[in-house]
Amino acid sequence: MWERIRQSPDWRFVAVIIPLMALLQAIGPEYFRYQRDWTSTGQIWRVVTAHWVHVGWLHLLLNGLGLAVCVSLTTPGWSIGRWFTSSIVMATGISLMLTLYNPEVVDYAGYSGVLYGLYVLAALGLFLRDRLVAVLIILAIVIKVCMEQFNFYDFNSGDIIGARVIIDAHLYGLLMAIAIALIWATYTMNHRPNRQSN
């Protein structure tokens, strides 16, 4: 296990982010979770840190396991910097959309919205190596989000974690992943070296 962490940047990210989440959780989620009045109080850090704290330790454990499964299935080989950048950009986007479109959400904590987005981004990176697994992961995320949005099933993980699940955070995580992928694809196409024929 330690050898895997040492050799893989993906697992090094897991080995950094989960202890960081645990540290913030131990300090107190109330200092870091999303609060709707962050714009008026100036507590801008909550936009990001809300996604690194949880409603309880079981909630943190479940999302930590979800991240480990994501890395195990996709192994994108991203640097720690890219993992953190993707997480921070998605966290910021999710919090902004909650602020704009969900006035009923007064507070929020949890990594699941970001995790949904990471699954999609990592699966897109996996596409060239294993199309079947990549497509299955993306379909699973899209189907789950659609089922949540249209109430196709009544399983509520909120019963497990002890709090209402903000399903729109999952939708926003998916949308952020799509936006990041489109922006990255546009950037790489525009900066691709021109090939000249003899």
Protein backbone atom coordinates (compact mmCIF):
# COMPACT_ATOMS: atom_id res chain seq x y z
CA MET A 1 0.00 0.00 0.00
CA TRP A 2 2.75 2.45 0.96
CA GLU A 3 4.61 1.59 -2.23
CA ARG A 4 1.49 2.37 -4.26
CA ILE A 5 1.13 5.75 -2.52
CA ARG A 6 4.79 6.55 -3.11
CA GLN A 7 4.66 5.72 -6.81
CA SER A 8 1.21 7.02 -7.77
CA PRO A 9 0.34 10.75 -7.73
CA ASP A 10 -3.34 9.75 -7.63
CA TRP A 11 -2.90 7.84 -4.37
CA ARG A 12 -0.67 10.60 -2.98
CA PHE A 13 -3.60 12.96 -3.43
CA VAL A 14 -5.85 10.54 -1.56
CA ALA A 15 -3.21 10.30 1.17
CA VAL A 16 -3.19 14.11 1.49
CA ILE A 17 -6.83 15.10 1.04
CA ILE A 18 -8.42 12.59 3.43
CA PRO A 19 -6.20 13.56 6.41
CA LEU A 20 -6.85 17.22 5.52
CA MET A 21 -10.59 16.57 5.61
CA ALA A 22 -10.20 14.75 8.93
CA LEU A 23 -8.23 17.68 10.36
CA LEU A 24 -10.87 20.22 9.35
CA GLN A 25 -13.58 17.91 10.67
CA ALA A 26 -11.77 17.66 14.01
CA ILE A 27 -11.38 21.44 14.23
CA GLY A 28 -15.10 21.90 13.62
CA PRO A 29 -17.27 21.79 10.46
CA GLU A 30 -19.11 24.92 11.61
CA TYR A 31 -16.02 26.99 10.78
CA PHE A 32 -15.71 25.69 7.22
CA ARG A 33 -19.10 24.57 5.86
CA TYR A 34 -21.03 26.51 3.24
CA GLN A 35 -23.33 29.19 4.64
CA ARG A 36 -25.62 31.15 2.41
CA ASP A 37 -24.58 34.47 3.95
CA TRP A 38 -20.91 34.01 2.99
CA THR A 39 -21.20 36.90 0.54
CA SER A 40 -22.25 39.35 3.24
CA THR A 41 -19.95 38.04 5.97
CA GLY A 42 -16.90 37.91 3.70
CA GLN A 43 -16.13 34.32 4.71
CA ILE A 44 -15.12 33.40 1.19
CA TRP A 45 -13.10 30.36 2.25
CA ARG A 46 -16.38 28.53 2.87
CA VAL A 47 -16.91 28.36 -0.90
CA VAL A 48 -14.12 25.75 -1.05
CA THR A 49 -13.80 24.33 2.46
CA ALA A 50 -17.50 23.43 2.57
CA HIS A 51 -16.65 20.48 0.35
CA TRP A 52 -13.84 19.26 2.62
CA VAL A 53 -15.92 18.98 5.79
CA HIS A 54 -18.89 16.72 6.41
CA VAL A 55 -21.98 16.44 8.57
CA GLY A 56 -20.30 13.63 10.51
CA TRP A 57 -17.44 11.15 10.50
CA LEU A 58 -19.47 8.48 8.72
CA HIS A 59 -20.23 10.98 5.95
CA LEU A 60 -16.49 11.68 5.62
CA LEU A 61 -15.71 7.94 5.56
CA LEU A 62 -18.23 7.28 2.79
CA ASN A 63 -16.86 10.07 0.59
CA GLY A 64 -13.29 9.00 1.33
CA LEU A 65 -14.13 5.48 0.19
CA GLY A 66 -15.81 6.94 -2.88
CA LEU A 67 -12.63 8.81 -3.77
CA ALA A 68 -10.54 5.66 -3.28
CA VAL A 69 -12.88 3.75 -5.60
CA CYS A 70 -12.63 6.55 -8.18
CA VAL A 71 -8.83 6.38 -8.15
CA SER A 72 -8.84 2.57 -8.25
CA LEU A 73 -11.17 2.45 -11.26
CA THR A 74 -9.67 5.25 -13.32
CA THR A 75 -6.01 5.80 -12.26
CA PRO A 76 -5.76 9.02 -14.31
CA GLY A 77 -2.15 9.69 -13.28
CA TRP A 78 -2.84 13.35 -12.47
CA SER A 79 -0.39 15.36 -10.44
CA ILE A 80 -1.45 16.36 -6.93
CA GLY A 81 -1.67 19.93 -8.26
CA ARG A 82 -4.14 18.89 -10.94
CA TRP A 83 -6.23 16.95 -8.44
CA PHE A 84 -6.39 19.94 -6.10
CA THR A 85 -7.03 22.40 -8.92
CA SER A 86 -9.90 20.31 -10.29
CA SER A 87 -11.36 19.89 -6.81
CA ILE A 88 -11.12 23.60 -5.97
CA VAL A 89 -12.59 24.74 -9.30
CA MET A 90 -15.50 22.32 -8.95
CA ALA A 91 -16.05 23.21 -5.30
CA THR A 92 -16.16 26.90 -6.19
CA GLY A 93 -18.58 26.32 -9.05
CA ILE A 94 -20.89 24.17 -6.94
CA SER A 95 -20.98 26.72 -4.13
CA LEU A 96 -21.69 29.57 -6.53
CA MET A 97 -24.53 27.64 -8.15
CA LEU A 98 -25.98 26.80 -4.74
CA THR A 99 -25.86 30.52 -3.93
CA LEU A 100 -27.50 31.52 -7.21
CA TYR A 101 -30.08 28.78 -7.67
CA ASN A 102 -30.80 27.26 -4.26
CA PRO A 103 -31.93 29.96 -1.83
CA GLU A 104 -33.43 27.22 0.38
CA VAL A 105 -29.95 25.82 1.11
CA VAL A 106 -28.68 27.79 4.09
CA ASP A 107 -25.75 25.51 4.86
CA TYR A 108 -23.98 22.63 3.19
CA ALA A 109 -21.07 20.28 3.84
CA GLY A 110 -19.71 17.34 1.91
CA TYR A 111 -17.41 16.17 -0.87
CA SER A 112 -19.98 14.25 -2.91
CA GLY A 113 -20.71 17.00 -5.45
CA VAL A 114 -17.01 17.40 -6.18
CA LEU A 115 -16.63 13.62 -6.20
CA TYR A 116 -19.31 13.22 -8.88
CA GLY A 117 -17.39 15.68 -11.04
CA LEU A 118 -14.06 13.97 -10.38
CA TYR A 119 -15.53 10.62 -11.45
CA VAL A 120 -16.57 12.13 -14.78
CA LEU A 121 -13.28 13.95 -15.41
CA ALA A 122 -11.21 10.90 -14.47
CA ALA A 123 -13.40 8.65 -16.62
CA LEU A 124 -12.91 10.95 -19.60
CA GLY A 125 -9.16 10.58 -19.09
CA LEU A 126 -9.61 6.81 -18.97
CA PHE A 127 -11.51 6.76 -22.27
CA LEU A 128 -8.45 6.17 -24.48
CA ARG A 129 -7.23 3.31 -22.28
CA ASP A 130 -10.48 1.53 -21.44
CA ARG A 131 -13.52 2.85 -23.26
CA LEU A 132 -15.97 0.38 -21.76
CA VAL A 133 -15.14 1.19 -18.13
CA ALA A 134 -15.03 4.92 -18.89
CA VAL A 135 -18.44 4.88 -20.57
CA LEU A 136 -19.94 2.79 -17.77
CA ILE A 137 -18.68 5.21 -15.10
CA ILE A 138 -20.00 8.26 -16.93
CA LEU A 139 -23.35 6.58 -17.62
CA ALA A 140 -23.64 5.56 -13.96
CA ILE A 141 -23.08 9.14 -12.80
CA VAL A 142 -25.45 10.64 -15.38
CA ILE A 143 -28.19 8.08 -14.64
CA LYS A 144 -27.83 8.54 -10.87
CA VAL A 145 -28.08 12.33 -11.19
CA CYS A 146 -31.14 12.03 -13.46
CA MET A 147 -32.80 9.60 -11.06
CA GLU A 148 -32.19 12.02 -8.20
CA GLN A 149 -33.51 15.01 -10.12
CA PHE A 150 -36.68 13.24 -11.32
CA ASN A 151 -37.35 11.23 -8.13
CA PHE A 152 -37.13 7.87 -9.89
CA TYR A 153 -36.17 6.14 -6.66
CA ASP A 154 -36.61 6.84 -2.98
CA PHE A 155 -33.30 5.63 -1.55
CA ASN A 156 -32.02 8.43 0.63
CA SER A 157 -28.43 8.27 1.85
CA GLY A 158 -29.43 11.08 4.20
CA ASP A 159 -30.85 8.34 6.42
CA ILE A 160 -27.32 6.96 6.71
CA ILE A 161 -25.39 10.20 7.24
CA GLY A 162 -28.08 11.83 9.39
CA ALA A 163 -28.77 14.87 7.22
CA ARG A 164 -30.71 15.84 4.12
CA VAL A 165 -28.75 15.20 0.92
CA ILE A 166 -28.52 18.26 -1.34
CA ILE A 167 -28.94 16.41 -4.62
CA ASP A 168 -28.45 19.58 -6.66
CA ALA A 169 -24.80 19.56 -5.53
CA HIS A 170 -24.41 16.29 -7.45
CA LEU A 171 -25.98 17.87 -10.53
CA TYR A 172 -23.69 20.90 -10.24
CA GLY A 173 -20.65 18.65 -9.86
CA LEU A 174 -21.60 16.89 -13.09
CA LEU A 175 -22.15 20.21 -14.88
CA MET A 176 -18.81 21.56 -13.64
CA ALA A 177 -17.03 18.46 -14.92
CA ILE A 178 -18.61 18.91 -18.35
CA ALA A 179 -17.64 22.59 -18.39
CA ILE A 180 -14.05 21.86 -17.36
CA ALA A 181 -13.77 19.10 -19.98
CA LEU A 182 -15.10 21.37 -22.74
CA ILE A 183 -12.79 24.23 -21.76
CA TRP A 184 -9.79 21.89 -21.62
CA ALA A 185 -10.66 20.31 -24.98
CA THR A 186 -11.02 23.75 -26.59
CA TYR A 187 -7.72 24.90 -25.11
CA THR A 188 -5.79 21.83 -26.27
CA MET A 189 -7.26 22.02 -29.78
CA ASN A 190 -6.36 25.70 -30.10
CA HIS A 191 -2.81 25.10 -28.85
CA ARG A 192 -2.10 21.94 -30.80
CA PRO A 193 1.12 22.28 -32.85
CA ASN A 194 0.43 22.80 -36.53
CA ARG A 195 1.56 19.85 -38.64
CA GLN A 196 3.19 20.81 -41.92
CA SER A 197 3.49 18.35 -44.78
CA ASN A 198 6.50 18.24 -47.06
